[in-house]
C-alpha cells in the first residue's frame, strides 16, 4: 500500500462523504481512494476533475430526461428550437446552471470565444450543425438567457 498521508477536511464534508461511501457498501477510506484514483486518471487526460464531475452530473440529469448521444444529422427538421425551449425550461425549473448547460451544448459548434459573460459561436454552414445551433438557442431561451446574432456570429449572453 505504501506510505500514508493525513488530509484535513471539514467535519460536515467528511460525514457526508462517509454516508455516501456507506450507501455503496464501502469504507470512507476505500471510497476516497477510488475517488482519488479517478481524479488522477481524469487529470492525466488533461481534464479538470471538478468540471468533469459537474458535467457528469449534468449529463446524468439529461439522460434521465431521455437524452441520448446522437449525430447532429438527426436534429434536421425536428423542430430543434422548440425542443430546446422545452429542455431549457425544464432545466431552469431544476435550478441547473445555464452556463454549464450551454457550454455542454455548444461543444459540437465552432466556438469563437468564451469568457465569463458570453459565448460566441459561428453560424454553421451545414444543415445538421445549424439545427444544433437552433437547439442551443432554444435551450438558451428556455433558460431565460439572452441571445442575438451579428452577421455570421451568434452571441449568447451568460451574464449581463
Protein backbone atom coordinates (compact mmCIF):
# COMPACT_ATOMS: atom_id res chain seq x y z
CA UNK A 1 0.00 0.00 0.00
CA UNK A 2 2.89 2.40 0.68
CA UNK A 3 3.30 5.40 2.89
CA UNK A 4 0.10 7.15 4.05
CA UNK A 5 -0.80 10.82 4.45
CA UNK A 6 -3.43 12.56 6.55
CA UNK A 7 -5.70 15.17 4.99
CA UNK A 8 -7.72 17.84 6.76
CA UNK A 9 -11.33 18.31 5.72
CA UNK A 10 -14.33 19.96 7.36
CA UNK A 11 -16.20 17.52 9.61
CA UNK A 12 -19.56 18.00 7.84
CA UNK A 13 -17.99 17.20 4.48
CA UNK A 14 -16.28 14.10 5.88
CA UNK A 15 -19.55 12.95 7.47
CA UNK A 16 -21.46 13.42 4.20
CA UNK A 17 -18.83 11.51 2.19
CA UNK A 18 -18.84 8.76 4.82
CA UNK A 19 -22.65 8.42 4.39
CA UNK A 20 -22.20 8.27 0.62
CA UNK A 21 -19.50 5.59 0.93
CA UNK A 22 -21.74 3.55 3.23
CA UNK A 23 -24.54 3.66 0.63
CA UNK A 24 -22.15 1.86 -1.72
CA UNK A 25 -21.05 -0.59 0.97
CA UNK A 26 -17.59 0.97 1.21
CA UNK A 27 -15.47 2.41 3.95
CA UNK A 28 -14.66 6.10 3.82
CA UNK A 29 -11.01 5.25 3.06
CA UNK A 30 -11.92 2.92 0.19
CA UNK A 31 -14.33 5.46 -1.30
CA UNK A 32 -11.76 8.30 -1.09
CA UNK A 33 -9.06 6.03 -2.56
CA UNK A 34 -11.35 5.24 -5.55
CA UNK A 35 -12.20 8.92 -5.91
CA UNK A 36 -8.52 9.94 -5.89
CA UNK A 37 -7.67 7.26 -8.49
CA UNK A 38 -10.45 8.58 -10.74
CA UNK A 39 -9.22 12.17 -10.25
CA UNK A 40 -5.69 11.14 -11.27
CA UNK A 41 -7.00 9.30 -14.34
CA UNK A 42 -9.08 12.30 -15.45
CA UNK A 43 -6.28 14.80 -14.81
CA UNK A 44 -3.80 12.65 -16.79
CA UNK A 45 -6.15 13.06 -19.74
CA UNK A 46 -5.76 16.82 -19.41
CA UNK A 47 -9.19 17.41 -17.91
CA UNK A 48 -10.05 19.31 -14.73
CA UNK A 49 -11.65 16.73 -12.42
CA UNK A 50 -14.18 19.03 -10.65
CA UNK A 51 -15.52 20.17 -14.04
CA UNK A 52 -15.76 16.56 -15.21
CA UNK A 53 -17.79 15.67 -12.12
CA UNK A 54 -20.17 18.60 -12.59
CA UNK A 55 -20.54 17.84 -16.30
CA UNK A 56 -21.15 14.17 -15.48
CA UNK A 57 -23.90 15.14 -13.05
CA UNK A 58 -25.49 17.35 -15.70
CA UNK A 59 -25.22 14.61 -18.30
CA UNK A 60 -26.86 12.17 -15.88
CA UNK A 61 -29.72 14.62 -15.42
CA UNK A 62 -30.08 14.98 -19.18
CA UNK A 63 -30.03 11.19 -19.62
CA UNK A 64 -32.83 10.95 -17.05
CA UNK A 65 -34.78 13.33 -19.29
CA UNK A 66 -34.37 10.92 -22.21
CA UNK A 67 -31.27 12.38 -23.84
CA UNK A 68 -29.00 10.16 -25.86
CA UNK A 69 -25.85 10.95 -27.79
CA UNK A 70 -26.71 11.22 -31.44
CA UNK A 71 -25.25 12.68 -34.63
CA UNK A 72 -26.32 16.24 -35.35
CA UNK A 73 -27.89 14.99 -38.60
CA UNK A 74 -30.78 13.60 -36.53
CA UNK A 75 -31.77 17.12 -35.50
CA UNK A 76 -32.67 18.15 -39.03
CA UNK A 77 -36.30 19.10 -39.49
CA UNK A 78 -37.11 18.03 -35.94
CA UNK A 79 -38.24 21.37 -34.53
CA UNK A 80 -34.90 21.78 -32.78
CA UNK A 81 -35.55 25.26 -31.40
CA UNK A 82 -38.94 24.33 -29.93
CA UNK A 83 -37.38 21.22 -28.39
CA UNK A 84 -34.58 23.39 -26.99
CA UNK A 85 -37.07 25.78 -25.38
CA UNK A 86 -38.80 22.87 -23.63
CA UNK A 87 -35.46 21.45 -22.47
CA UNK A 88 -34.24 24.84 -21.27
CA UNK A 89 -37.46 25.48 -19.36
CA UNK A 90 -37.23 22.13 -17.59
CA UNK A 91 -33.58 22.69 -16.71
CA UNK A 92 -34.34 26.20 -15.46
CA UNK A 93 -37.04 24.79 -13.20
CA UNK A 94 -34.47 22.35 -11.82
CA UNK A 95 -32.11 25.21 -10.99
CA UNK A 96 -29.36 24.00 -13.33
CA UNK A 97 -26.57 26.50 -14.05
CA UNK A 98 -27.25 27.94 -17.56
CA UNK A 99 -23.54 28.46 -18.21
CA UNK A 100 -22.70 24.79 -17.67
CA UNK A 101 -25.64 23.62 -19.79
CA UNK A 102 -24.86 25.94 -22.70
CA UNK A 103 -21.14 25.15 -22.63
CA UNK A 104 -22.02 21.47 -22.90
CA UNK A 105 -24.47 22.02 -25.76
CA UNK A 106 -22.15 24.19 -27.90
CA UNK A 107 -19.40 21.54 -27.96
CA UNK A 108 -20.46 20.47 -31.45
CA UNK A 109 -20.33 24.02 -32.82
CA UNK A 110 -17.44 26.24 -33.89
CA UNK A 111 -16.73 28.29 -30.80
CA UNK A 112 -15.09 31.62 -31.47
CA UNK A 113 -14.83 32.84 -27.93
CA UNK A 114 -15.97 32.08 -24.44
CA UNK A 115 -15.49 34.19 -21.36
CA UNK A 116 -17.31 34.56 -18.07
CA UNK A 117 -20.00 36.71 -19.70
CA UNK A 118 -20.74 35.24 -23.12
CA UNK A 119 -20.28 32.52 -25.70
CA UNK A 120 -19.65 33.49 -29.31
CA UNK A 121 -20.41 30.88 -31.96
CA UNK A 122 -20.06 30.92 -35.74
CA UNK A 123 -23.28 30.25 -37.63
CA UNK A 124 -22.60 26.83 -39.19
CA UNK A 125 -22.81 26.26 -42.91
CA UNK A 126 -24.03 22.67 -42.78
CA UNK A 127 -27.66 21.87 -42.07
CA UNK A 128 -27.02 19.47 -39.18
CA UNK A 129 -24.98 21.96 -37.18
CA UNK A 130 -27.46 24.75 -37.95
CA UNK A 131 -30.10 22.52 -36.38
CA UNK A 132 -27.81 22.04 -33.37
CA UNK A 133 -27.43 25.82 -33.10
CA UNK A 134 -31.24 26.14 -33.21
CA UNK A 135 -31.45 23.64 -30.35
CA UNK A 136 -28.84 25.61 -28.36
CA UNK A 137 -30.69 28.88 -28.97
CA UNK A 138 -33.93 27.27 -27.85
CA UNK A 139 -32.27 25.94 -24.68
CA UNK A 140 -30.89 29.42 -24.00
CA UNK A 141 -34.35 30.94 -24.48
CA UNK A 142 -35.91 28.34 -22.18
CA UNK A 143 -33.25 29.14 -19.58
CA UNK A 144 -34.01 32.85 -19.90
CA UNK A 145 -30.61 33.65 -21.40
CA UNK A 146 -30.37 36.49 -23.95
CA UNK A 147 -29.05 35.64 -27.41
CA UNK A 148 -28.53 37.71 -30.52
CA UNK A 149 -26.93 37.47 -33.93
CA UNK A 150 -24.36 39.78 -35.51
CA UNK A 151 -23.87 38.71 -39.10
CA UNK A 152 -22.43 35.20 -39.05
CA UNK A 153 -21.85 35.18 -35.29
CA UNK A 154 -24.33 34.22 -32.57
CA UNK A 155 -23.72 35.67 -29.12
CA UNK A 156 -25.12 34.02 -26.01
CA UNK A 157 -25.06 36.41 -23.04
CA UNK A 158 -24.35 34.30 -19.95
CA UNK A 159 -24.27 37.35 -17.67
CA UNK A 160 -25.39 40.89 -18.35
